[in-house]
């Protein structure tokens, strides 16, 4: 009696190199969670906002590094022809922790904790409940986004140039970039309300039909003009020297790009019916 192909594939093991990058993603996510919890503990002490800012920044940086790891594991798996069902599922489980739970906890502690401490008891209760609901919405929408991606990625008809819905690393990157740029936790409840509204927008963009460029169609083995390496070098230097401004600009640009593509597609005139019939 022959065993199913899936069982034989698991017995043969998995490719270690791309899985190491997935482990790196998990490590960064776990560190981001610990840093957010540490910042939350520091905020409970008097005048702890300044000290907590360092822990919040560490959590944001960890999520940013995880985005790099996440982009490399799939790319390396394809380049080495070592993609597998195990790798895809392992990557999704790592993503829900690192780009779902970790940024949701960071968004709640950075955007709500200090505000609740200075607000009235009634307002603090409402802010806490709203924060719980919205950040949980971010997590569950991220999980749904990953499930839909796994289903669509096995279809040969899917367009690899675009993601349907904002990818969960992109949504986590927006939260991390804003925290990295500001660092100090929010202190006023109007700012906290805007922050929660942005988190809710990111959650719904993940499960929307808005298309975002995936960068997977870029062929790294194809020859490129030498100007490309100059651009990559300048961008890398800019990130190292001015990481707060550059990363925030990149994250917000990617956020807006999908919405802009959606608006452009709606405004673009449809071809006349006669041309469609002629083309078919």
C-alpha atoms as a PDB file:
ATOM      1  CA  UNK A   1       0.000   0.000   0.000  1.00  0.00           C
ATOM      2  CA  UNK A   2       1.561   3.286  -1.128  1.00  0.00           C
ATOM      3  CA  UNK A   3       1.514   6.286   1.179  1.00  0.00           C
ATOM      4  CA  UNK A   4      -0.002   9.600   0.102  1.00  0.00           C
ATOM      5  CA  UNK A   5       2.343  12.017  -1.587  1.00  0.00           C
ATOM      6  CA  UNK A   6       1.939  14.534   1.259  1.00  0.00           C
ATOM      7  CA  UNK A   7       3.175  11.994   3.845  1.00  0.00           C
ATOM      8  CA  UNK A   8       6.148  11.023   1.706  1.00  0.00           C
ATOM      9  CA  UNK A   9       6.970  14.700   1.283  1.00  0.00           C
ATOM     10  CA  UNK A  10       6.975  15.249   5.043  1.00  0.00           C
ATOM     11  CA  UNK A  11       9.160  12.200   5.601  1.00  0.00           C
ATOM     12  CA  UNK A  12      11.722  13.539   3.134  1.00  0.00           C
ATOM     13  CA  UNK A  13      11.991  16.602   5.367  1.00  0.00           C
ATOM     14  CA  UNK A  14      12.101  20.270   4.442  1.00  0.00           C
ATOM     15  CA  UNK A  15      14.602  22.703   3.011  1.00  0.00           C
ATOM     16  CA  UNK A  16      16.617  24.178   5.833  1.00  0.00           C
ATOM     17  CA  UNK A  17      17.739  27.462   4.238  1.00  0.00           C
ATOM     18  CA  UNK A  18      14.359  29.161   3.593  1.00  0.00           C
ATOM     19  CA  UNK A  19      13.028  27.748   6.872  1.00  0.00           C
ATOM     20  CA  UNK A  20      15.886  29.439   8.749  1.00  0.00           C
ATOM     21  CA  UNK A  21      14.667  32.788   7.475  1.00  0.00           C
ATOM     22  CA  UNK A  22      11.155  31.882   8.616  1.00  0.00           C
ATOM     23  CA  UNK A  23      12.586  31.112  12.060  1.00  0.00           C
ATOM     24  CA  UNK A  24      14.221  34.537  11.939  1.00  0.00           C
ATOM     25  CA  UNK A  25      10.796  36.037  11.288  1.00  0.00           C
ATOM     26  CA  UNK A  26       9.442  34.221  14.351  1.00  0.00           C
ATOM     27  CA  UNK A  27      12.331  35.352  16.543  1.00  0.00           C
ATOM     28  CA  UNK A  28      11.726  38.986  15.554  1.00  0.00           C
ATOM     29  CA  UNK A  29       8.009  38.661  16.249  1.00  0.00           C
ATOM     30  CA  UNK A  30       8.613  37.116  19.656  1.00  0.00           C
ATOM     31  CA  UNK A  31      11.109  39.842  20.522  1.00  0.00           C
ATOM     32  CA  UNK A  32       8.634  42.531  19.403  1.00  0.00           C
ATOM     33  CA  UNK A  33       5.975  41.063  21.708  1.00  0.00           C
ATOM     34  CA  UNK A  34       8.384  40.989  24.661  1.00  0.00           C
ATOM     35  CA  UNK A  35       9.475  44.583  23.969  1.00  0.00           C
ATOM     36  CA  UNK A  36       5.870  45.800  23.827  1.00  0.00           C
ATOM     37  CA  UNK A  37       5.099  44.073  27.125  1.00  0.00           C
ATOM     38  CA  UNK A  38       8.209  45.600  28.676  1.00  0.00           C
ATOM     39  CA  UNK A  39       7.178  49.053  27.455  1.00  0.00           C
ATOM     40  CA  UNK A  40       3.721  48.515  28.901  1.00  0.00           C
ATOM     41  CA  UNK A  41       5.295  47.648  32.275  1.00  0.00           C
ATOM     42  CA  UNK A  42       7.503  50.743  32.186  1.00  0.00           C
ATOM     43  CA  UNK A  43       4.510  52.975  31.431  1.00  0.00           C
ATOM     44  CA  UNK A  44       2.921  51.939  34.718  1.00  0.00           C
ATOM     45  CA  UNK A  45       5.737  53.696  36.588  1.00  0.00           C
ATOM     46  CA  UNK A  46       5.781  57.498  37.062  1.00  0.00           C
ATOM     47  CA  UNK A  47       7.345  59.414  34.154  1.00  0.00           C
ATOM     48  CA  UNK A  48       7.937  56.177  32.277  1.00  0.00           C
ATOM     49  CA  UNK A  49       6.985  57.467  28.811  1.00  0.00           C
ATOM     50  CA  UNK A  50      10.546  58.393  27.837  1.00  0.00           C
ATOM     51  CA  UNK A  51      11.996  55.050  28.917  1.00  0.00           C
ATOM     52  CA  UNK A  52       9.141  53.154  27.293  1.00  0.00           C
ATOM     53  CA  UNK A  53       9.873  54.870  23.988  1.00  0.00           C
ATOM     54  CA  UNK A  54      13.071  52.856  23.637  1.00  0.00           C
ATOM     55  CA  UNK A  55      11.247  49.575  24.159  1.00  0.00           C
ATOM     56  CA  UNK A  56       8.517  50.570  21.678  1.00  0.00           C
ATOM     57  CA  UNK A  57      11.195  51.490  19.134  1.00  0.00           C
ATOM     58  CA  UNK A  58      12.890  48.120  19.635  1.00  0.00           C
ATOM     59  CA  UNK A  59       9.582  46.355  18.950  1.00  0.00           C
ATOM     60  CA  UNK A  60       9.056  48.409  15.787  1.00  0.00           C
ATOM     61  CA  UNK A  61      12.591  47.675  14.565  1.00  0.00           C
ATOM     62  CA  UNK A  62      12.100  43.954  15.172  1.00  0.00           C
ATOM     63  CA  UNK A  63       8.965  43.962  12.999  1.00  0.00           C
ATOM     64  CA  UNK A  64      10.875  45.844  10.298  1.00  0.00           C
ATOM     65  CA  UNK A  65      13.694  43.259  10.320  1.00  0.00           C
ATOM     66  CA  UNK A  66      11.084  40.496  10.203  1.00  0.00           C
ATOM     67  CA  UNK A  67       9.676  41.996   6.992  1.00  0.00           C
ATOM     68  CA  UNK A  68      13.123  41.589   5.414  1.00  0.00           C
ATOM     69  CA  UNK A  69      13.336  37.959   6.575  1.00  0.00           C
ATOM     70  CA  UNK A  70       9.828  37.271   5.288  1.00  0.00           C
ATOM     71  CA  UNK A  71      10.680  38.658   1.877  1.00  0.00           C
ATOM     72  CA  UNK A  72      13.818  36.543   1.658  1.00  0.00           C
ATOM     73  CA  UNK A  73      12.476  33.131   2.683  1.00  0.00           C
ATOM     74  CA  UNK A  74      10.053  32.782  -0.213  1.00  0.00           C
ATOM     75  CA  UNK A  75      12.488  34.307  -2.672  1.00  0.00           C
ATOM     76  CA  UNK A  76      15.263  31.904  -1.631  1.00  0.00           C
ATOM     77  CA  UNK A  77      12.873  28.941  -1.763  1.00  0.00           C
ATOM     78  CA  UNK A  78      12.011  29.796  -5.367  1.00  0.00           C
ATOM     79  CA  UNK A  79      15.607  30.465  -6.411  1.00  0.00           C
ATOM     80  CA  UNK A  80      16.796  27.166  -4.938  1.00  0.00           C
ATOM     81  CA  UNK A  81      13.722  25.284  -6.184  1.00  0.00           C
ATOM     82  CA  UNK A  82      12.988  24.183  -2.636  1.00  0.00           C
ATOM     83  CA  UNK A  83       9.436  25.503  -2.171  1.00  0.00           C
ATOM     84  CA  UNK A  84       7.169  23.057  -0.322  1.00  0.00           C
ATOM     85  CA  UNK A  85       3.767  22.801   1.317  1.00  0.00           C
ATOM     86  CA  UNK A  86       5.477  22.623   4.706  1.00  0.00           C
ATOM     87  CA  UNK A  87       7.371  25.839   4.016  1.00  0.00           C
ATOM     88  CA  UNK A  88       4.205  27.644   2.960  1.00  0.00           C
ATOM     89  CA  UNK A  89       2.290  26.601   6.082  1.00  0.00           C
ATOM     90  CA  UNK A  90       5.262  27.289   8.379  1.00  0.00           C
ATOM     91  CA  UNK A  91       5.623  30.749   6.864  1.00  0.00           C
ATOM     92  CA  UNK A  92       1.924  31.516   7.395  1.00  0.00           C
ATOM     93  CA  UNK A  93       2.053  30.470  11.049  1.00  0.00           C
ATOM     94  CA  UNK A  94       5.101  32.663  11.576  1.00  0.00           C
ATOM     95  CA  UNK A  95       3.400  35.574   9.806  1.00  0.00           C
ATOM     96  CA  UNK A  96       0.287  35.518  11.985  1.00  0.00           C
ATOM     97  CA  UNK A  97       2.463  35.834  15.090  1.00  0.00           C
ATOM     98  CA  UNK A  98       4.994  38.345  13.777  1.00  0.00           C
ATOM     99  CA  UNK A  99       2.766  40.476  11.559  1.00  0.00           C
ATOM    100  CA  UNK A 100      -0.574  39.873  13.282  1.00  0.00           C
ATOM    101  CA  UNK A 101      -0.218  39.490  17.048  1.00  0.00           C
ATOM    102  CA  UNK A 102       3.003  41.510  17.500  1.00  0.00           C
ATOM    103  CA  UNK A 103       1.886  44.697  15.659  1.00  0.00           C
ATOM    104  CA  UNK A 104      -1.594  44.496  17.228  1.00  0.00           C
ATOM    105  CA  UNK A 105      -0.052  44.407  20.698  1.00  0.00           C
ATOM    106  CA  UNK A 106       2.345  47.198  19.731  1.00  0.00           C
ATOM    107  CA  UNK A 107      -0.521  49.306  18.371  1.00  0.00           C
ATOM    108  CA  UNK A 108      -2.518  48.843  21.577  1.00  0.00           C
ATOM    109  CA  UNK A 109       0.266  49.488  24.093  1.00  0.00           C
ATOM    110  CA  UNK A 110       1.849  52.387  22.171  1.00  0.00           C
ATOM    111  CA  UNK A 111      -1.376  54.080  21.179  1.00  0.00           C
ATOM    112  CA  UNK A 112      -3.656  53.453  24.160  1.00  0.00           C
ATOM    113  CA  UNK A 113      -1.800  52.642  27.381  1.00  0.00           C
ATOM    114  CA  UNK A 114      -0.519  56.124  28.281  1.00  0.00           C
ATOM    115  CA  UNK A 115      -3.779  57.739  27.167  1.00  0.00           C
ATOM    116  CA  UNK A 116      -5.871  55.518  29.455  1.00  0.00           C
ATOM    117  CA  UNK A 117      -3.633  56.336  32.421  1.00  0.00           C
ATOM    118  CA  UNK A 118      -4.334  60.076  32.063  1.00  0.00           C
ATOM    119  CA  UNK A 119      -8.003  59.883  31.046  1.00  0.00           C
ATOM    120  CA  UNK A 120     -11.051  59.783  33.275  1.00  0.00           C
ATOM    121  CA  UNK A 121     -12.269  56.399  34.448  1.00  0.00           C
ATOM    122  CA  UNK A 122     -15.235  56.356  32.053  1.00  0.00           C
ATOM    123  CA  UNK A 123     -13.197  57.440  29.023  1.00  0.00           C
ATOM    124  CA  UNK A 124     -10.390  55.016  29.889  1.00  0.00           C
ATOM    125  CA  UNK A 125     -12.865  52.131  29.972  1.00  0.00           C
ATOM    126  CA  UNK A 126     -14.281  53.017  26.542  1.00  0.00           C
ATOM    127  CA  UNK A 127     -10.809  53.460  25.063  1.00  0.00           C
ATOM    128  CA  UNK A 128      -9.685  50.126  26.470  1.00  0.00           C
ATOM    129  CA  UNK A 129     -12.682  48.259  25.070  1.00  0.00           C
ATOM    130  CA  UNK A 130     -12.369  49.937  21.672  1.00  0.00           C
ATOM    131  CA  UNK A 131      -8.651  49.189  21.593  1.00  0.00           C
ATOM    132  CA  UNK A 132      -9.230  45.514  22.357  1.00  0.00           C
ATOM    133  CA  UNK A 133     -11.858  45.169  19.631  1.00  0.00           C
ATOM    134  CA  UNK A 134      -9.898  47.030  16.954  1.00  0.00           C
ATOM    135  CA  UNK A 135      -6.564  45.326  17.576  1.00  0.00           C
ATOM    136  CA  UNK A 136      -8.281  41.926  17.640  1.00  0.00           C
ATOM    137  CA  UNK A 137      -9.912  42.869  14.342  1.00  0.00           C
ATOM    138  CA  UNK A 138      -6.415  43.490  12.976  1.00  0.00           C
ATOM    139  CA  UNK A 139      -5.318  40.006  14.083  1.00  0.00           C
ATOM    140  CA  UNK A 140      -8.331  38.144  12.707  1.00  0.00           C
ATOM    141  CA  UNK A 141      -8.276  40.045   9.404  1.00  0.00           C
ATOM    142  CA  UNK A 142      -4.584  39.228   9.097  1.00  0.00           C
ATOM    143  CA  UNK A 143      -5.312  35.528   9.660  1.00  0.00           C
ATOM    144  CA  UNK A 144      -8.087  35.617   7.044  1.00  0.00           C
ATOM    145  CA  UNK A 145      -5.750  37.414   4.638  1.00  0.00           C
ATOM    146  CA  UNK A 146      -3.117  34.687   5.027  1.00  0.00           C
ATOM    147  CA  UNK A 147      -5.697  31.918   4.552  1.00  0.00           C
ATOM    148  CA  UNK A 148      -6.959  33.534   1.344  1.00  0.00           C
ATOM    149  CA  UNK A 149      -3.408  34.018   0.095  1.00  0.00           C
ATOM    150  CA  UNK A 150      -2.581  30.329   0.620  1.00  0.00           C
ATOM    151  CA  UNK A 151      -5.638  29.324  -1.385  1.00  0.00           C
ATOM    152  CA  UNK A 152      -5.006  31.756  -4.232  1.00  0.00           C
ATOM    153  CA  UNK A 153      -1.253  31.110  -4.432  1.00  0.00           C
ATOM    154  CA  UNK A 154      -1.767  27.506  -5.622  1.00  0.00           C
ATOM    155  CA  UNK A 155      -3.945  28.628  -8.528  1.00  0.00           C
ATOM    156  CA  UNK A 156      -2.044  28.846 -11.788  1.00  0.00           C
ATOM    157  CA  UNK A 157      -4.378  31.603 -13.004  1.00  0.00           C
ATOM    158  CA  UNK A 158      -3.473  34.020 -10.188  1.00  0.00           C
ATOM    159  CA  UNK A 159      -1.610  37.201 -11.158  1.00  0.00           C
ATOM    160  CA  UNK A 160       1.724  37.089  -9.353  1.00  0.00           C
ATOM    161  CA  UNK A 161       2.290  40.802  -9.946  1.00  0.00           C
ATOM    162  CA  UNK A 162      -0.353  41.835  -7.417  1.00  0.00           C
ATOM    163  CA  UNK A 163      -1.695  40.834  -4.019  1.00  0.00           C
ATOM    164  CA  UNK A 164      -5.476  40.905  -3.589  1.00  0.00           C
ATOM    165  CA  UNK A 165      -5.765  42.874  -0.383  1.00  0.00           C
ATOM    166  CA  UNK A 166      -2.928  44.524   1.481  1.00  0.00           C
ATOM    167  CA  UNK A 167      -0.350  41.906   2.516  1.00  0.00           C
ATOM    168  CA  UNK A 168      -0.070  41.427   6.267  1.00  0.00           C
ATOM    169  CA  UNK A 169       3.654  42.384   6.361  1.00  0.00           C
ATOM    170  CA  UNK A 170       2.725  45.675   4.661  1.00  0.00           C
ATOM    171  CA  UNK A 171       0.022  46.431   7.232  1.00  0.00           C
ATOM    172  CA  UNK A 172       2.391  45.551  10.085  1.00  0.00           C
ATOM    173  CA  UNK A 173       5.049  47.712   8.441  1.00  0.00           C
ATOM    174  CA  UNK A 174       2.815  50.790   8.546  1.00  0.00           C
ATOM    175  CA  UNK A 175       2.282  50.366  12.302  1.00  0.00           C
ATOM    176  CA  UNK A 176       5.986  49.710  12.931  1.00  0.00           C
ATOM    177  CA  UNK A 177       7.117  52.647  10.770  1.00  0.00           C
ATOM    178  CA  UNK A 178       4.856  55.120  12.581  1.00  0.00           C
ATOM    179  CA  UNK A 179       5.988  53.894  16.003  1.00  0.00           C
ATOM    180  CA  UNK A 180       9.648  54.006  14.899  1.00  0.00           C
ATOM    181  CA  UNK A 181       9.174  57.561  13.620  1.00  0.00           C
ATOM    182  CA  UNK A 182       7.458  58.939  16.738  1.00  0.00           C
ATOM    183  CA  UNK A 183       8.766  56.531  19.415  1.00  0.00           C
ATOM    184  CA  UNK A 184       7.085  58.249  22.376  1.00  0.00           C
ATOM    185  CA  UNK A 185       3.638  56.755  23.121  1.00  0.00           C
ATOM    186  CA  UNK A 186       0.531  58.778  22.395  1.00  0.00           C
ATOM    187  CA  UNK A 187      -0.658  61.007  25.226  1.00  0.00           C
ATOM    188  CA  UNK A 188      -3.966  62.495  24.017  1.00  0.00           C
ATOM    189  CA  UNK A 189      -7.212  60.642  23.390  1.00  0.00           C
ATOM    190  CA  UNK A 190      -7.963  62.357  20.010  1.00  0.00           C
ATOM    191  CA  UNK A 191      -4.619  61.063  18.708  1.00  0.00           C
ATOM    192  CA  UNK A 192      -5.475  57.619  20.087  1.00  0.00           C
ATOM    193  CA  UNK A 193      -8.805  57.655  18.250  1.00  0.00           C
ATOM    194  CA  UNK A 194      -7.071  58.520  14.955  1.00  0.00           C
ATOM    195  CA  UNK A 195      -4.521  55.776  15.624  1.00  0.00           C
ATOM    196  CA  UNK A 196      -7.226  53.181  16.202  1.00  0.00           C
ATOM    197  CA  UNK A 197      -9.029  54.338  13.052  1.00  0.00           C
ATOM    198  CA  UNK A 198      -5.824  53.795  11.060  1.00  0.00           C
ATOM    199  CA  UNK A 199      -5.397  50.331  12.595  1.00  0.00           C
ATOM    200  CA  UNK A 200      -8.975  49.495  11.627  1.00  0.00           C
ATOM    201  CA  UNK A 201      -8.368  50.745   8.075  1.00  0.00           C
ATOM    202  CA  UNK A 202      -5.309  48.521   7.779  1.00  0.00           C
ATOM    203  CA  UNK A 203      -7.338  45.543   9.023  1.00  0.00           C
ATOM    204  CA  UNK A 204     -10.046  45.987   6.405  1.00  0.00           C
ATOM    205  CA  UNK A 205      -7.540  46.675   3.618  1.00  0.00           C
ATOM    206  CA  UNK A 206      -6.057  43.229   4.264  1.00  0.00           C
ATOM    207  CA  UNK A 207      -9.368  41.486   3.535  1.00  0.00           C
ATOM    208  CA  UNK A 208     -10.442  43.899   0.797  1.00  0.00           C
ATOM    209  CA  UNK A 209     -10.184  43.390  -2.966  1.00  0.00           C
ATOM    210  CA  UNK A 210      -7.776  46.315  -3.304  1.00  0.00           C
ATOM    211  CA  UNK A 211      -4.722  45.204  -5.259  1.00  0.00           C
ATOM    212  CA  UNK A 212      -1.165  45.874  -4.095  1.00  0.00           C
ATOM    213  CA  UNK A 213       2.014  45.286  -6.049  1.00  0.00           C
ATOM    214  CA  UNK A 214       3.733  42.109  -4.856  1.00  0.00           C
ATOM    215  CA  UNK A 215       7.297  42.569  -6.203  1.00  0.00           C
ATOM    216  CA  UNK A 216       7.363  38.792  -6.813  1.00  0.00           C
ATOM    217  CA  UNK A 217       7.489  39.297 -10.571  1.00  0.00           C
ATOM    218  CA  UNK A 218      10.912  40.956 -10.255  1.00  0.00           C
ATOM    219  CA  UNK A 219      13.514  38.589 -11.706  1.00  0.00           C
ATOM    220  CA  UNK A 220      16.687  38.880  -9.625  1.00  0.00           C
ATOM    221  CA  UNK A 221      18.645  36.765 -12.124  1.00  0.00           C
ATOM    222  CA  UNK A 222      17.942  39.108 -15.034  1.00  0.00           C
ATOM    223  CA  UNK A 223      20.605  41.631 -15.989  1.00  0.00           C
ATOM    224  CA  UNK A 224      19.869  45.189 -14.862  1.00  0.00           C
ATOM    225  CA  UNK A 225      21.363  48.587 -15.699  1.00  0.00           C
ATOM    226  CA  UNK A 226      24.170  49.646 -13.368  1.00  0.00           C
ATOM    227  CA  UNK A 227      21.957  52.538 -12.243  1.00  0.00           C
ATOM    228  CA  UNK A 228      19.889  49.975 -10.339  1.00  0.00           C
ATOM    229  CA  UNK A 229      22.725  49.082  -7.972  1.00  0.00           C
ATOM    230  CA  UNK A 230      23.381  52.787  -7.423  1.00  0.00           C
ATOM    231  CA  UNK A 231      19.728  53.327  -6.499  1.00  0.00           C
ATOM    232  CA  UNK A 232      19.767  50.348  -4.112  1.00  0.00           C
ATOM    233  CA  UNK A 233      22.956  51.629  -2.492  1.00  0.00           C
ATOM    234  CA  UNK A 234      21.580  55.151  -2.023  1.00  0.00           C
ATOM    235  CA  UNK A 235      18.305  53.804  -0.619  1.00  0.00           C
ATOM    236  CA  UNK A 236      20.165  51.547   1.819  1.00  0.00           C
ATOM    237  CA  UNK A 237      22.335  54.457   2.979  1.00  0.00           C
ATOM    238  CA  UNK A 238      19.240  56.651   3.393  1.00  0.00           C
ATOM    239  CA  UNK A 239      17.542  53.987   5.518  1.00  0.00           C
ATOM    240  CA  UNK A 240      20.614  53.651   7.733  1.00  0.00           C
ATOM    241  CA  UNK A 241      21.060  57.408   8.206  1.00  0.00           C
ATOM    242  CA  UNK A 242      17.425  58.573   8.206  1.00  0.00           C
ATOM    243  CA  UNK A 243      15.498  55.416   8.991  1.00  0.00           C
ATOM    244  CA  UNK A 244      12.549  57.149  10.677  1.00  0.00           C
ATOM    245  CA  UNK A 245      11.666  59.401   7.739  1.00  0.00           C
ATOM    246  CA  UNK A 246      12.580  57.008   4.923  1.00  0.00           C
ATOM    247  CA  UNK A 247      10.791  53.958   6.342  1.00  0.00           C
ATOM    248  CA  UNK A 248       7.695  55.998   7.188  1.00  0.00           C
ATOM    249  CA  UNK A 249       7.644  57.378   3.638  1.00  0.00           C
ATOM    250  CA  UNK A 250       8.016  53.899   2.122  1.00  0.00           C
ATOM    251  CA  UNK A 251       5.296  52.405   4.340  1.00  0.00           C
ATOM    252  CA  UNK A 252       2.774  55.174   3.699  1.00  0.00           C
ATOM    253  CA  UNK A 253       3.549  55.195  -0.021  1.00  0.00           C
ATOM    254  CA  UNK A 254       2.794  51.478  -0.220  1.00  0.00           C
ATOM    255  CA  UNK A 255      -0.397  51.977   1.788  1.00  0.00           C
ATOM    256  CA  UNK A 256      -1.587  54.722  -0.559  1.00  0.00           C
ATOM    257  CA  UNK A 257      -0.467  52.917  -3.736  1.00  0.00           C
ATOM    258  CA  UNK A 258      -3.185  50.278  -3.524  1.00  0.00           C
ATOM    259  CA  UNK A 259      -5.888  52.876  -2.902  1.00  0.00           C
ATOM    260  CA  UNK A 260      -4.551  54.969  -5.795  1.00  0.00           C
ATOM    261  CA  UNK A 261      -4.641  51.962  -8.148  1.00  0.00           C
ATOM    262  CA  UNK A 262      -8.217  51.303  -7.063  1.00  0.00           C
ATOM    263  CA  UNK A 263      -9.290  54.877  -7.808  1.00  0.00           C
ATOM    264  CA  UNK A 264      -7.494  54.883 -11.172  1.00  0.00           C
ATOM    265  CA  UNK A 265      -9.155  51.611 -12.204  1.00  0.00           C
ATOM    266  CA  UNK A 266     -12.575  53.060 -11.314  1.00  0.00           C
ATOM    267  CA  UNK A 267     -11.950  56.277 -13.239  1.00  0.00           C
ATOM    268  CA  UNK A 268     -10.495  54.554 -16.306  1.00  0.00           C
ATOM    269  CA  UNK A 269     -13.130  54.465 -19.050  1.00  0.00           C
ATOM    270  CA  UNK A 270     -14.307  51.028 -20.137  1.00  0.00           C
ATOM    271  CA  UNK A 271     -13.748  50.095 -23.796  1.00  0.00           C
ATOM    272  CA  UNK A 272     -16.814  50.439 -26.044  1.00  0.00           C
ATOM    273  CA  UNK A 273     -18.980  47.363 -26.445  1.00  0.00           C
ATOM    274  CA  UNK A 274     -18.233  47.186 -30.168  1.00  0.00           C
ATOM    275  CA  UNK A 275     -14.478  47.059 -29.507  1.00  0.00           C
ATOM    276  CA  UNK A 276     -14.935  44.328 -26.918  1.00  0.00           C
ATOM    277  CA  UNK A 277     -16.951  42.232 -29.356  1.00  0.00           C
ATOM    278  CA  UNK A 278     -14.348  42.822 -32.100  1.00  0.00           C
ATOM    279  CA  UNK A 279     -11.514  41.869 -29.729  1.00  0.00           C
ATOM    280  CA  UNK A 280     -13.230  38.620 -28.769  1.00  0.00           C
END
